[in-house]
């Protein structure tokens, strides 16, 4: 092989590599967006959203979670919008702090209805998560837990673009270091389950 031919070969390889790079870069813009709204149940380093990225890399996961957030004080950005052409989904996993802080159920009801309607009006598909029955003193938190869980469950079947999943189906308090926040093992289980629910109901 002459030096000239060798250079042509390298140029061809570089050209093909560049084409693949740009192809994958452009493909990334077409990935369905998956927005996660939540509190500290979804914010730890070994949180289920991060594991979901490993399990389902096809989604463009955007995390809007913050420690201490409640249904009462969480505000959805007003410019949050989908063009309706892609299967864009919001996973709404708030409620833990409302339960533990025993926030007023009346205001929580109004706030949650406002959030869900806002998302549906903007053509998002919504997976609403029922928070688990935490492993805490029932005499202290039981009523609040039941009220908030019942509130979120009440949305089941209310809209064809809204799905409700009860985290009690997989929650195991023995896999939480403090009775509330999931361990890495439980976080992985949550991610796998949510991935399955999304596939079965939305994708």
Protein backbone atom coordinates (compact mmCIF):
# COMPACT_ATOMS: atom_id res chain seq x y z
CA UNK A 1 0.00 0.00 0.00
CA UNK A 2 1.42 3.39 -0.97
CA UNK A 3 1.46 6.36 1.39
CA UNK A 4 -1.20 8.08 -0.73
CA UNK A 5 -3.52 5.06 -0.54
CA UNK A 6 -2.94 4.81 3.20
CA UNK A 7 -4.05 8.42 3.67
CA UNK A 8 -7.16 7.81 1.59
CA UNK A 9 -7.99 4.83 3.78
CA UNK A 10 -7.61 6.83 6.99
CA UNK A 11 -9.70 9.65 5.54
CA UNK A 12 -12.46 7.19 4.67
CA UNK A 13 -12.46 5.74 8.19
CA UNK A 14 -12.57 9.23 9.70
CA UNK A 15 -15.44 10.20 7.40
CA UNK A 16 -17.48 7.14 8.35
CA UNK A 17 -16.77 7.74 12.06
CA UNK A 18 -17.94 11.35 11.71
CA UNK A 19 -21.14 10.23 9.99
CA UNK A 20 -21.86 7.73 12.78
CA UNK A 21 -21.15 10.36 15.44
CA UNK A 22 -23.56 12.85 13.92
CA UNK A 23 -26.14 10.14 13.29
CA UNK A 24 -26.11 9.11 16.94
CA UNK A 25 -26.06 12.73 18.06
CA UNK A 26 -29.14 13.51 16.00
CA UNK A 27 -30.84 10.31 17.15
CA UNK A 28 -30.50 11.50 20.73
CA UNK A 29 -32.81 14.42 19.97
CA UNK A 30 -35.53 11.95 18.97
CA UNK A 31 -35.46 9.93 22.17
CA UNK A 32 -38.76 10.10 24.06
CA UNK A 33 -38.48 12.40 27.06
CA UNK A 34 -39.24 10.94 30.48
CA UNK A 35 -39.63 13.59 33.20
CA UNK A 36 -39.50 12.50 36.84
CA UNK A 37 -41.16 14.64 39.50
CA UNK A 38 -40.56 13.62 43.10
CA UNK A 39 -38.99 14.14 46.50
CA UNK A 40 -36.19 12.47 48.48
CA UNK A 41 -37.52 9.00 47.58
CA UNK A 42 -36.16 9.75 44.11
CA UNK A 43 -33.06 11.88 44.80
CA UNK A 44 -30.45 9.72 46.52
CA UNK A 45 -27.19 8.88 44.73
CA UNK A 46 -28.36 5.30 44.27
CA UNK A 47 -31.87 6.41 43.36
CA UNK A 48 -34.23 4.55 41.08
CA UNK A 49 -34.14 7.28 38.36
CA UNK A 50 -30.40 6.70 37.95
CA UNK A 51 -30.95 2.95 37.76
CA UNK A 52 -33.72 3.50 35.23
CA UNK A 53 -31.16 5.24 33.03
CA UNK A 54 -29.13 2.01 33.06
CA UNK A 55 -32.12 -0.24 32.47
CA UNK A 56 -33.74 1.89 29.77
CA UNK A 57 -31.09 4.07 28.06
CA UNK A 58 -33.49 4.69 25.16
CA UNK A 59 -35.26 7.39 27.18
CA UNK A 60 -34.13 10.97 27.63
CA UNK A 61 -34.64 11.08 31.40
CA UNK A 62 -34.97 14.51 33.00
CA UNK A 63 -35.13 14.60 36.80
CA UNK A 64 -37.15 17.29 38.58
CA UNK A 65 -36.85 16.01 42.14
CA UNK A 66 -35.92 17.75 45.36
CA UNK A 67 -35.57 16.72 48.98
CA UNK A 68 -38.45 17.83 51.19
CA UNK A 69 -40.87 18.58 48.35
CA UNK A 70 -44.56 18.04 48.99
CA UNK A 71 -47.62 18.10 46.76
CA UNK A 72 -48.51 21.32 48.54
CA UNK A 73 -45.39 23.28 47.62
CA UNK A 74 -44.17 21.74 44.36
CA UNK A 75 -44.58 24.03 41.35
CA UNK A 76 -44.40 22.69 37.79
CA UNK A 77 -42.57 25.06 35.41
CA UNK A 78 -45.17 26.89 33.36
CA UNK A 79 -43.15 26.45 30.18
CA UNK A 80 -43.12 22.67 30.47
CA UNK A 81 -44.66 21.43 27.22
CA UNK A 82 -44.67 18.60 24.72
CA UNK A 83 -45.43 19.03 21.05
CA UNK A 84 -47.65 15.94 21.11
CA UNK A 85 -45.62 14.22 18.38
CA UNK A 86 -43.50 12.10 20.71
CA UNK A 87 -44.45 9.73 23.49
CA UNK A 88 -43.35 12.04 26.28
CA UNK A 89 -44.19 10.94 29.77
CA UNK A 90 -44.10 12.33 33.30
CA UNK A 91 -43.60 10.05 36.29
CA UNK A 92 -45.16 11.83 39.26
CA UNK A 93 -43.84 10.37 42.54
CA UNK A 94 -44.74 12.91 45.23
CA UNK A 95 -46.59 12.26 48.44
CA UNK A 96 -44.02 10.94 50.87
CA UNK A 97 -43.43 14.23 52.63
CA UNK A 98 -47.13 15.07 52.62
CA UNK A 99 -47.74 11.85 54.50
CA UNK A 100 -44.91 12.25 56.98
CA UNK A 101 -45.70 15.93 57.62
CA UNK A 102 -49.44 15.22 57.83
CA UNK A 103 -50.22 18.06 55.45
CA UNK A 104 -53.82 19.13 54.96
CA UNK A 105 -55.54 16.73 52.60
CA UNK A 106 -57.84 19.41 51.20
CA UNK A 107 -55.02 21.55 49.85
CA UNK A 108 -53.11 18.48 48.67
CA UNK A 109 -56.18 17.38 46.70
CA UNK A 110 -56.50 20.72 44.95
CA UNK A 111 -52.78 20.89 44.23
CA UNK A 112 -52.53 17.38 42.84
CA UNK A 113 -55.56 17.86 40.58
CA UNK A 114 -54.01 21.09 39.28
CA UNK A 115 -50.69 19.38 38.54
CA UNK A 116 -52.19 16.39 36.77
CA UNK A 117 -54.55 18.48 34.67
CA UNK A 118 -51.70 20.81 33.71
CA UNK A 119 -49.64 17.86 32.44
CA UNK A 120 -52.53 16.21 30.58
CA UNK A 121 -53.52 19.50 28.94
CA UNK A 122 -50.00 19.72 27.53
CA UNK A 123 -50.27 16.28 25.95
CA UNK A 124 -48.02 14.42 28.41
CA UNK A 125 -48.73 10.86 29.37
CA UNK A 126 -48.61 10.59 33.17
CA UNK A 127 -47.63 7.72 35.45
CA UNK A 128 -48.84 8.64 38.93
CA UNK A 129 -47.16 6.71 41.74
CA UNK A 130 -49.03 5.90 44.94
CA UNK A 131 -46.51 6.32 47.77
CA UNK A 132 -45.88 3.23 49.89
CA UNK A 133 -47.22 2.45 53.32
CA UNK A 134 -44.12 3.51 55.21
CA UNK A 135 -42.78 1.42 58.05
CA UNK A 136 -43.55 4.02 60.72
CA UNK A 137 -45.85 4.16 63.74
CA UNK A 138 -49.38 3.70 62.41
CA UNK A 139 -50.86 5.59 65.37
CA UNK A 140 -48.84 8.64 64.37
CA UNK A 141 -48.94 8.53 60.57
CA UNK A 142 -51.60 5.97 59.67
CA UNK A 143 -54.51 8.30 58.96
CA UNK A 144 -52.42 10.70 56.89
CA UNK A 145 -50.88 7.80 54.98
CA UNK A 146 -54.29 6.32 54.17
CA UNK A 147 -55.76 9.68 53.12
CA UNK A 148 -52.93 10.58 50.74
CA UNK A 149 -52.76 7.09 49.28
CA UNK A 150 -56.52 7.10 48.73
CA UNK A 151 -56.29 10.54 47.11
CA UNK A 152 -53.73 9.39 44.55
CA UNK A 153 -55.52 6.10 43.92
CA UNK A 154 -58.71 8.03 43.16
CA UNK A 155 -57.18 9.18 39.86
CA UNK A 156 -57.08 5.62 38.52
CA UNK A 157 -59.14 5.33 35.32
CA UNK A 158 -59.93 9.05 35.19
CA UNK A 159 -58.08 9.70 31.90
CA UNK A 160 -56.78 7.45 29.10
CA UNK A 161 -53.35 9.12 29.30
CA UNK A 162 -53.04 8.67 33.07
CA UNK A 163 -51.84 5.48 34.76
CA UNK A 164 -51.63 4.83 38.49
CA UNK A 165 -49.23 2.38 40.11
CA UNK A 166 -49.26 1.47 43.81
CA UNK A 167 -45.73 1.23 45.22
CA UNK A 168 -47.01 -1.07 47.97
CA UNK A 169 -46.90 -3.84 45.34
CA UNK A 170 -43.11 -4.02 45.63
CA UNK A 171 -42.21 -1.97 48.71
CA UNK A 172 -40.36 -3.82 51.46
CA UNK A 173 -39.54 -1.81 54.58
CA UNK A 174 -36.71 -4.24 55.37
CA UNK A 175 -34.98 -2.79 52.30
CA UNK A 176 -35.04 0.75 53.69
CA UNK A 177 -32.35 2.01 56.08
CA UNK A 178 -34.81 4.25 57.96
CA UNK A 179 -38.25 2.85 57.15
CA UNK A 180 -38.78 5.51 54.48
CA UNK A 181 -35.93 5.91 51.98
CA UNK A 182 -35.18 2.97 49.67
CA UNK A 183 -31.85 1.18 49.73
CA UNK A 184 -29.91 0.56 46.52
CA UNK A 185 -31.51 -2.88 46.30
CA UNK A 186 -35.05 -1.49 46.58
CA UNK A 187 -34.24 1.40 44.23
CA UNK A 188 -33.19 -1.09 41.57
CA UNK A 189 -36.43 -3.00 42.10
CA UNK A 190 -38.43 0.23 41.73
CA UNK A 191 -36.62 1.08 38.49
CA UNK A 192 -37.27 -2.37 37.03
CA UNK A 193 -40.94 -2.21 37.99
CA UNK A 194 -41.50 1.28 36.60
CA UNK A 195 -39.76 0.25 33.38
CA UNK A 196 -42.16 -2.70 33.10
CA UNK A 197 -45.22 -0.53 33.82
CA UNK A 198 -44.16 1.97 31.15
CA UNK A 199 -43.64 -0.75 28.57
CA UNK A 200 -46.96 -2.45 29.31
CA UNK A 201 -49.06 0.72 29.39
CA UNK A 202 -47.36 3.43 27.36
CA UNK A 203 -44.56 2.22 25.05
